[in-house]
Amino acid sequence: MRIAVIGSGPCGQVCAARLAQTGHDVVLFERADALGAVGAGILIQPTGQRVLADLGVADAFSSISAPVERLLGTNHRNRVVLDLHYRDLHSAAVGRGVHRAALAELLARAVNAGGVDVQFGIEIIRFEEHTNGIVLTDSEGNHHGAFDLAVAANGARSKLRQQSGLVKRDRAYPWGALWFVGSDHDGALSGTLRQVYHSTQSMIGFLPTGVIAPGSEPLVNMFWSLKTVQWTGPADFDVRAWKERAIRLAPFAECFLAQITTADQLIFAAYADVVLHRSSVGRIVFVGDAAHAMSPQLGQGANLGMMDGWALAESIDSHSSLEVALRSFERARRRHIWLYQFASRWLTPVFQSDWPLVGGVRDLLLGPACRFGPTRRLGLEMLAGVKAGPFRRLPGYFDDH
């Protein structure tokens, strides 16, 4: 088939590369003019790592990413709120932090190796179904196609989603986060995803983020919880006052935070809660954040997206009928995605909200839950991305344990 993939985030790149590997004629549209060293760090769970291994880039990924062996969250009084070690799930389990730009460059090589036609600087904003396929229109009014299938992997703000008629929920969260990527000169922040909370209104976190290129200096991604209405741009942000608050909350990171001298170094990201009635209509299918954007509390966005991209390509390769393939893809991914959307939606106010009493209950209960066998196991399976239902786990992960 001739297939258009819209968006070159991890989901779109994985999908395009795999579709090309299985013999399809793939065109990848990306609105940016080129891949660049922008963005922040993301945590790749064992689920995402499996996709990268199946794509054949596991070794290259290891060389640019950093191992994350533990999630440690404490409150402002140093009370342990979250403490989960991947090794308690399985000796081989580990998260890996990576800079988004480094992962994009890695996946771009897989895309290019498959012969995908990558077209930068084209933002697809509309689609039309015709008897000979689906035609796409860009922001300049140019038409592209017809294609046998269009894969919308263009993120949480997809303009194609509203046109589809598939939207069940599309709500912006009132909270977002400031991000900064800096150097971990002495390795003091390595090995652990570290978070500190003060009630539900302040949170700072540090994610080891690997390297931009093999051999370069290790990086760490800092994130700070912030209401969307509190960010009107760097010109209005008092970075000095903010740094004082951040250092009081995380004094162990004072040297790292010293790298931030101006608000222009900070990136603000807002989040949305997106639910579709189903993932496809006609010859267009939505994957990744375009289909199921959620808050980053569980660290699953990129992982779910890459799993979507791989599963869609595999379903297309396994069925001679496109209609059957899309139904099979829907069934394969529905339960897993629903669980993480549900958990993310209800967990977010526990860490980001104007409900301080919730923060007190959180601080009281979550620490003991991380030490109690059954709830620790549940937390680890959710963290690793392998939970597929109240009593189900994705097959093939840590089955010997």
Protein backbone atom coordinates (compact mmCIF):
# COMPACT_ATOMS: atom_id res chain seq x y z
CA MET A 1 0.00 0.00 0.00
CA ARG A 2 0.91 3.65 -0.30
CA ILE A 3 0.73 5.00 3.24
CA ALA A 4 1.10 8.51 4.65
CA VAL A 5 2.37 8.89 8.22
CA ILE A 6 1.75 12.35 9.66
CA GLY A 7 4.15 13.42 12.40
CA SER A 8 7.71 12.28 13.13
CA GLY A 9 7.60 11.83 16.87
CA PRO A 10 8.61 8.41 18.24
CA CYS A 11 5.21 6.95 17.34
CA GLY A 12 5.26 8.16 13.75
CA GLN A 13 8.88 7.23 13.19
CA VAL A 14 8.44 3.69 14.54
CA CYS A 15 5.31 3.18 12.45
CA ALA A 16 6.91 4.53 9.27
CA ALA A 17 10.09 2.50 9.72
CA ARG A 18 8.21 -0.75 10.38
CA LEU A 19 5.75 -0.24 7.53
CA ALA A 20 8.69 0.37 5.18
CA GLN A 21 10.45 -2.77 6.47
CA THR A 22 7.39 -4.82 5.54
CA GLY A 23 7.36 -3.49 1.99
CA HIS A 24 4.94 -0.57 1.94
CA ASP A 25 5.51 2.72 0.12
CA VAL A 26 5.62 5.22 3.00
CA VAL A 27 5.64 9.03 3.00
CA LEU A 28 6.36 10.70 6.35
CA PHE A 29 5.15 14.30 6.73
CA GLU A 30 6.67 16.52 9.43
CA ARG A 31 5.69 20.15 10.02
CA ALA A 32 9.15 21.15 11.36
CA ASP A 33 11.76 22.12 8.78
CA ALA A 34 14.27 19.62 10.18
CA LEU A 35 15.03 17.47 13.18
CA GLY A 36 16.65 19.62 15.84
CA ALA A 37 18.22 19.33 19.29
CA VAL A 38 15.09 20.62 21.02
CA GLY A 39 12.72 19.08 23.52
CA ALA A 40 13.22 17.38 26.83
CA GLY A 41 13.93 13.99 28.29
CA ILE A 42 11.52 11.05 28.20
CA LEU A 43 11.50 7.79 30.11
CA ILE A 44 11.45 4.68 27.95
CA GLN A 45 9.93 1.79 29.84
CA PRO A 46 10.49 -1.94 29.13
CA THR A 47 7.52 -1.79 26.75
CA GLY A 48 9.11 0.92 24.64
CA GLN A 49 12.47 -0.80 24.86
CA ARG A 50 10.90 -3.95 23.40
CA VAL A 51 9.70 -1.99 20.37
CA LEU A 52 13.16 -0.49 19.83
CA ALA A 53 14.73 -3.95 20.09
CA ASP A 54 12.27 -5.38 17.57
CA LEU A 55 13.10 -2.48 15.27
CA GLY A 56 16.78 -3.44 15.51
CA VAL A 57 18.12 -0.36 17.30
CA ALA A 58 18.50 -1.65 20.88
CA ASP A 59 22.29 -1.35 21.04
CA ALA A 60 22.31 2.14 19.56
CA PHE A 61 19.59 3.16 21.99
CA SER A 62 21.61 1.89 24.96
CA SER A 63 24.54 4.05 23.89
CA ILE A 64 22.52 7.29 24.07
CA SER A 65 20.21 6.56 27.02
CA ALA A 66 20.74 6.38 30.77
CA PRO A 67 19.55 3.58 33.06
CA VAL A 68 16.88 4.49 35.60
CA GLU A 69 16.76 1.81 38.26
CA ARG A 70 14.48 3.48 40.79
CA LEU A 71 11.61 5.93 41.22
CA LEU A 72 12.04 7.84 44.47
CA GLY A 73 9.53 10.47 45.55
CA THR A 74 9.67 12.34 48.86
CA ASN A 75 7.74 15.23 50.28
CA HIS A 76 9.16 18.53 51.51
CA ARG A 77 9.69 16.97 54.97
CA ASN A 78 11.72 14.14 53.40
CA ARG A 79 8.99 11.57 54.02
CA VAL A 80 9.14 8.80 51.41
CA VAL A 81 6.02 8.93 49.23
CA LEU A 82 7.09 6.67 46.35
CA ASP A 83 9.92 4.17 46.30
CA LEU A 84 9.90 1.60 43.51
CA HIS A 85 12.92 -0.39 42.30
CA TYR A 86 12.59 -1.98 38.87
CA ARG A 87 14.65 -4.94 40.10
CA ASP A 88 11.78 -5.92 42.42
CA LEU A 89 9.73 -6.61 39.29
CA HIS A 90 12.49 -8.52 37.50
CA SER A 91 16.27 -8.55 37.60
CA ALA A 92 16.38 -7.49 33.94
CA ALA A 93 13.84 -4.67 34.28
CA VAL A 94 15.07 -1.08 34.03
CA GLY A 95 13.81 2.22 32.71
CA ARG A 96 15.99 4.28 30.39
CA GLY A 97 15.98 8.05 30.13
CA VAL A 98 16.76 9.61 26.76
CA HIS A 99 16.76 13.07 25.25
CA ARG A 100 13.91 13.38 22.78
CA ALA A 101 16.23 14.78 20.08
CA ALA A 102 18.68 11.88 20.47
CA LEU A 103 15.87 9.35 20.15
CA ALA A 104 14.51 11.19 17.10
CA GLU A 105 17.92 11.05 15.42
CA LEU A 106 18.23 7.35 16.17
CA LEU A 107 14.79 6.56 14.77
CA ALA A 108 15.44 8.79 11.76
CA ARG A 109 18.25 6.44 10.74
CA ALA A 110 15.82 3.50 10.85
CA VAL A 111 13.30 5.51 8.83
CA ASN A 112 15.89 6.41 6.20
CA ALA A 113 17.23 2.85 6.06
CA GLY A 114 13.74 1.66 5.13
CA GLY A 115 13.52 4.07 2.21
CA VAL A 116 10.75 6.22 3.67
CA ASP A 117 10.13 9.46 1.77
CA VAL A 118 10.49 12.07 4.54
CA GLN A 119 9.01 15.48 3.73
CA PHE A 120 9.86 18.24 6.22
CA GLY A 121 8.17 21.62 6.51
CA ILE A 122 4.71 20.31 5.65
CA GLU A 123 1.88 20.59 8.18
CA ILE A 124 -1.08 18.42 7.26
CA ILE A 125 -4.31 20.04 8.49
CA ARG A 126 -7.13 18.33 6.57
CA PHE A 127 -8.06 15.05 4.91
CA GLU A 128 -10.67 14.03 2.34
CA GLU A 129 -11.83 10.56 1.36
CA HIS A 130 -12.05 9.83 -2.38
CA THR A 131 -12.86 6.70 -4.32
CA ASN A 132 -9.17 6.23 -5.10
CA GLY A 133 -7.95 6.85 -1.53
CA ILE A 134 -7.42 9.58 1.03
CA VAL A 135 -6.09 13.01 0.02
CA LEU A 136 -4.28 15.25 2.51
CA THR A 137 -4.12 19.05 2.48
CA ASP A 138 -1.33 21.04 4.08
CA SER A 139 -1.38 24.50 5.68
CA GLU A 140 -0.37 26.09 2.36
CA GLY A 141 -3.34 24.58 0.55
CA ASN A 142 -1.31 21.95 -1.31
CA HIS A 143 -2.78 18.47 -1.81
CA HIS A 144 -0.92 15.21 -1.21
CA GLY A 145 -2.06 11.76 -2.26
CA ALA A 146 -4.14 9.83 -2.85
CA PHE A 147 -3.00 7.30 -0.23
CA ASP A 148 -4.41 3.93 0.67
CA LEU A 149 -4.08 4.84 4.36
CA ALA A 150 -3.18 7.88 6.46
CA VAL A 151 -1.71 7.42 9.94
CA ALA A 152 -2.22 10.49 12.14
CA ALA A 153 0.68 10.48 14.60
CA ASN A 154 0.85 14.25 14.92
CA GLY A 155 0.48 14.62 18.66
CA ALA A 156 -1.91 15.92 21.28
CA ARG A 157 -2.78 19.02 19.25
CA SER A 158 -3.67 17.17 16.08
CA LYS A 159 -5.89 19.30 13.85
CA LEU A 160 -7.03 16.18 12.04
CA ARG A 161 -8.63 14.73 15.16
CA GLN A 162 -11.42 17.32 15.32
CA GLN A 163 -12.28 16.72 11.67
CA SER A 164 -12.59 12.97 12.21
CA GLY A 165 -15.76 13.03 14.31
CA LEU A 166 -14.17 10.47 16.63
CA VAL A 167 -13.56 12.73 19.64
CA LYS A 168 -15.16 11.65 22.90
CA ARG A 169 -13.03 13.81 25.22
CA ASP A 170 -10.51 16.57 24.50
CA ARG A 171 -9.75 18.64 27.59
CA ALA A 172 -6.73 20.68 28.53
CA TYR A 173 -5.27 20.07 31.96
CA PRO A 174 -5.03 23.20 34.14
CA TRP A 175 -1.51 22.17 35.13
CA GLY A 176 1.59 21.71 33.02
CA ALA A 177 5.31 21.70 33.66
CA LEU A 178 8.48 23.70 33.11
CA TRP A 179 11.32 21.66 31.64
CA PHE A 180 15.07 22.17 31.56
CA VAL A 181 17.82 19.87 30.30
CA GLY A 182 21.25 20.41 31.83
CA SER A 183 24.54 18.62 32.37
CA ASP A 184 25.02 16.17 35.20
CA HIS A 185 28.68 17.07 35.71
CA ASP A 186 29.39 14.83 38.70
CA GLY A 187 26.77 12.12 38.15
CA ALA A 188 24.97 13.10 41.36
CA LEU A 189 21.55 12.67 39.76
CA SER A 190 22.18 9.41 37.90
CA GLY A 191 20.32 6.14 38.27
CA THR A 192 17.12 7.43 39.85
CA LEU A 193 14.03 9.31 38.74
CA ARG A 194 13.90 11.66 41.73
CA GLN A 195 10.83 13.71 42.68
CA VAL A 196 10.01 16.02 45.59
CA TYR A 197 6.50 17.21 46.44
CA HIS A 198 5.05 19.95 48.60
CA SER A 199 1.34 19.28 48.91
CA THR A 200 -0.23 19.04 45.43
CA GLN A 201 0.88 22.48 44.29
CA SER A 202 4.65 22.13 44.03
CA MET A 203 6.63 19.30 42.48
CA ILE A 204 10.14 19.09 41.12
CA GLY A 205 11.67 16.09 39.40
CA PHE A 206 14.97 15.00 37.88
CA LEU A 207 15.24 12.38 35.14
CA PRO A 208 18.63 11.07 33.91
CA THR A 209 18.45 11.69 30.17
CA GLY A 210 21.46 10.04 28.59
CA VAL A 211 23.50 11.91 25.99
CA ILE A 212 22.82 13.80 22.79
CA ALA A 213 25.49 11.71 21.05
CA PRO A 214 27.64 8.77 22.22
CA GLY A 215 30.53 10.03 24.33
CA SER A 216 29.07 13.45 25.12
CA GLU A 217 28.31 14.72 28.62
CA PRO A 218 25.46 13.04 30.55
CA LEU A 219 22.27 15.07 30.81
CA VAL A 220 19.47 15.38 33.33
CA ASN A 221 15.94 16.62 32.68
CA MET A 222 14.42 18.83 35.40
CA PHE A 223 10.64 19.33 35.50
CA TRP A 224 8.62 21.67 37.70
CA SER A 225 4.85 21.54 38.14
CA LEU A 226 3.15 24.80 37.15
CA LYS A 227 -0.38 25.98 36.42
CA THR A 228 -0.89 26.92 32.81
CA VAL A 229 -2.25 30.35 33.79
CA GLN A 230 1.00 31.08 35.64
CA TRP A 231 3.08 30.87 32.45
CA THR A 232 2.69 33.78 30.07
CA GLY A 233 6.18 33.48 28.65
CA PRO A 234 9.79 33.82 29.82
CA ALA A 235 9.68 37.64 29.85
CA ASP A 236 7.19 37.63 32.73
CA PHE A 237 8.71 34.79 34.74
CA ASP A 238 10.76 35.62 37.85
CA VAL A 239 13.46 32.99 37.50
CA ARG A 240 15.36 34.16 40.60
CA ALA A 241 12.34 33.70 42.90
CA TRP A 242 11.53 30.39 41.26
CA LYS A 243 15.07 29.08 41.76
CA GLU A 244 14.91 29.93 45.45
CA ARG A 245 11.73 27.85 45.77
CA ALA A 246 13.21 25.00 43.75
CA ILE A 247 16.40 24.86 45.84
CA ARG A 248 14.41 24.88 49.08
CA LEU A 249 12.42 21.91 47.81
CA ALA A 250 15.42 20.03 46.37
CA PRO A 251 18.64 21.26 48.06
CA PHE A 252 20.50 18.19 46.80
CA ALA A 253 20.17 19.61 43.25
CA GLU A 254 21.46 23.12 43.94
CA CYS A 255 24.55 22.67 41.76
CA PHE A 256 22.45 21.39 38.88
CA LEU A 257 19.92 24.22 39.21
CA ALA A 258 22.78 26.76 39.14
CA GLN A 259 22.92 26.14 35.37
CA ILE A 260 19.60 27.96 34.99
CA THR A 261 20.23 31.69 34.81
CA THR A 262 17.43 32.99 32.57
CA ALA A 263 13.81 32.03 31.97
CA ASP A 264 14.61 31.57 28.27
CA GLN A 265 16.28 28.27 29.23
CA LEU A 266 12.95 26.88 30.42
CA ILE A 267 10.36 25.16 28.23
CA PHE A 268 6.72 25.11 29.26
CA ALA A 269 4.59 22.13 28.25
CA ALA A 270 0.84 21.86 28.66
CA TYR A 271 -1.06 18.57 28.59
CA ALA A 272 -4.43 17.30 27.45
CA ASP A 273 -6.77 14.41 28.18
CA VAL A 274 -7.90 12.94 24.85
CA VAL A 275 -10.24 9.99 24.34
CA LEU A 276 -11.62 8.79 20.99
CA HIS A 277 -14.69 6.64 20.40
CA ARG A 278 -12.46 4.47 18.22
CA SER A 279 -9.07 4.89 16.60
CA SER A 280 -10.02 4.99 12.91
CA VAL A 281 -12.61 6.18 10.45
CA GLY A 282 -12.44 5.31 6.76
CA ARG A 283 -8.81 5.36 5.64
CA ILE A 284 -7.36 7.39 8.51
CA VAL A 285 -6.19 5.94 11.84
CA PHE A 286 -5.05 7.87 14.91
CA VAL A 287 -2.14 6.68 17.05
CA GLY A 288 -0.07 7.95 19.96
CA ASP A 289 -0.99 11.27 21.54
CA ALA A 290 -3.21 12.13 18.59
CA ALA A 291 -5.46 9.29 19.78
CA HIS A 292 -4.95 9.19 23.54
CA ALA A 293 -3.03 12.13 24.98
CA MET A 294 -2.76 12.11 28.77
CA SER A 295 -0.80 13.74 31.56
CA PRO A 296 2.82 12.57 31.98
CA GLN A 297 2.34 11.39 35.58
CA LEU A 298 2.85 7.73 34.64
CA GLY A 299 5.61 8.42 32.10
CA GLN A 300 3.92 6.32 29.42
CA GLY A 301 3.19 8.66 26.48
CA ALA A 302 6.11 7.83 24.18
CA ASN A 303 5.95 4.16 25.13
CA LEU A 304 2.26 3.80 24.31
CA GLY A 305 2.82 5.68 21.07
CA MET A 306 5.68 3.46 19.93
CA MET A 307 3.63 0.38 20.82
CA ASP A 308 0.76 1.80 18.74
CA GLY A 309 3.03 2.39 15.76
CA TRP A 310 4.50 -1.10 15.90
CA ALA A 311 1.16 -2.83 16.51
CA LEU A 312 -0.49 -1.00 13.60
CA ALA A 313 2.29 -1.97 11.19
CA GLU A 314 2.15 -5.59 12.37
CA SER A 315 -1.63 -5.71 12.04
CA ILE A 316 -1.48 -4.34 8.50
CA ASP A 317 1.17 -6.90 7.63
CA SER A 318 -0.93 -9.74 9.06
CA HIS A 319 -4.23 -9.07 7.25
CA SER A 320 -5.00 -8.77 3.57
CA SER A 321 -7.95 -6.45 4.25
CA LEU A 322 -7.28 -2.94 5.54
CA GLU A 323 -10.67 -2.87 7.30
CA VAL A 324 -9.87 -6.09 9.16
CA ALA A 325 -6.37 -4.86 9.99
CA LEU A 326 -7.68 -1.67 11.57
CA ARG A 327 -10.24 -3.59 13.62
CA SER A 328 -7.52 -5.97 14.78
CA PHE A 329 -5.29 -3.06 15.76
CA GLU A 330 -8.16 -1.50 17.73
CA ARG A 331 -8.75 -4.71 19.68
CA ALA A 332 -5.06 -5.25 20.34
CA ARG A 333 -4.48 -1.84 21.89
CA ARG A 334 -7.85 -0.87 23.44
CA ARG A 335 -7.54 -2.45 26.90
CA HIS A 336 -3.94 -1.38 27.53
CA ILE A 337 -4.56 2.22 26.50
CA TRP A 338 -7.81 2.47 28.48
CA LEU A 339 -6.10 1.37 31.69
CA TYR A 340 -3.34 3.97 31.47
CA GLN A 341 -5.72 6.73 30.46
CA PHE A 342 -7.95 5.92 33.42
CA ALA A 343 -5.04 5.71 35.87
CA SER A 344 -3.44 8.91 34.58
CA ARG A 345 -6.71 10.84 34.78
CA TRP A 346 -7.32 9.92 38.42
CA LEU A 347 -3.70 10.03 39.55
CA THR A 348 -2.96 13.51 38.19
CA PRO A 349 -4.89 15.47 40.90
CA VAL A 350 -2.97 13.52 43.55
CA PHE A 351 0.19 15.32 42.40
CA GLN A 352 -1.06 18.41 40.54
CA SER A 353 -4.15 20.16 41.87
CA ASP A 354 -5.50 22.76 44.28
CA TRP A 355 -6.52 20.05 46.74
CA PRO A 356 -3.88 20.08 49.53
CA LEU A 357 -5.81 17.54 51.62
CA VAL A 358 -5.30 15.03 48.83
CA GLY A 359 -1.56 15.62 49.11
CA GLY A 360 -1.67 14.84 52.82
CA VAL A 361 -3.49 11.56 52.23
CA ARG A 362 -1.04 10.72 49.43
CA ASP A 363 1.96 11.28 51.68
CA LEU A 364 0.39 9.11 54.36
CA LEU A 365 -0.62 6.13 52.23
CA LEU A 366 1.63 5.75 49.19
CA GLY A 367 4.86 5.08 51.09
CA PRO A 368 3.46 2.05 52.94
CA ALA A 369 1.80 0.87 49.71
CA CYS A 370 5.24 0.77 48.06
CA ARG A 371 6.43 -1.58 50.81
CA PHE A 372 3.44 -3.94 50.85
CA GLY A 373 3.94 -6.85 48.45
CA PRO A 374 0.74 -6.83 46.36
CA THR A 375 0.51 -3.04 46.03
CA ARG A 376 4.25 -2.75 45.37
CA ARG A 377 3.86 -5.27 42.56
CA LEU A 378 0.91 -3.34 41.14
CA GLY A 379 2.91 -0.09 41.26
CA LEU A 380 5.89 -1.69 39.54
CA GLU A 381 3.79 -3.21 36.75
CA MET A 382 2.09 0.15 36.16
CA LEU A 383 5.47 1.93 36.17
CA ALA A 384 6.99 -0.53 33.69
CA GLY A 385 3.99 -0.19 31.37
CA VAL A 386 3.14 -3.89 31.37
CA LYS A 387 -0.21 -3.77 33.17
CA ALA A 388 -3.14 -4.56 30.86
CA GLY A 389 -6.06 -4.79 33.28
CA PRO A 390 -6.89 -5.30 36.95
CA PHE A 391 -5.76 -8.92 36.80
CA ARG A 392 -3.86 -9.00 33.51
CA ARG A 393 -0.35 -8.24 32.36
CA LEU A 394 0.93 -7.90 28.82
CA PRO A 395 2.22 -11.31 27.70
CA GLY A 396 5.92 -11.85 27.13
CA TYR A 397 7.26 -9.51 29.80
CA PHE A 398 9.13 -11.01 32.75
CA ASP A 399 7.14 -14.27 32.47
CA ASP A 400 9.87 -16.20 34.30
CA HIS A 401 9.40 -14.17 37.49
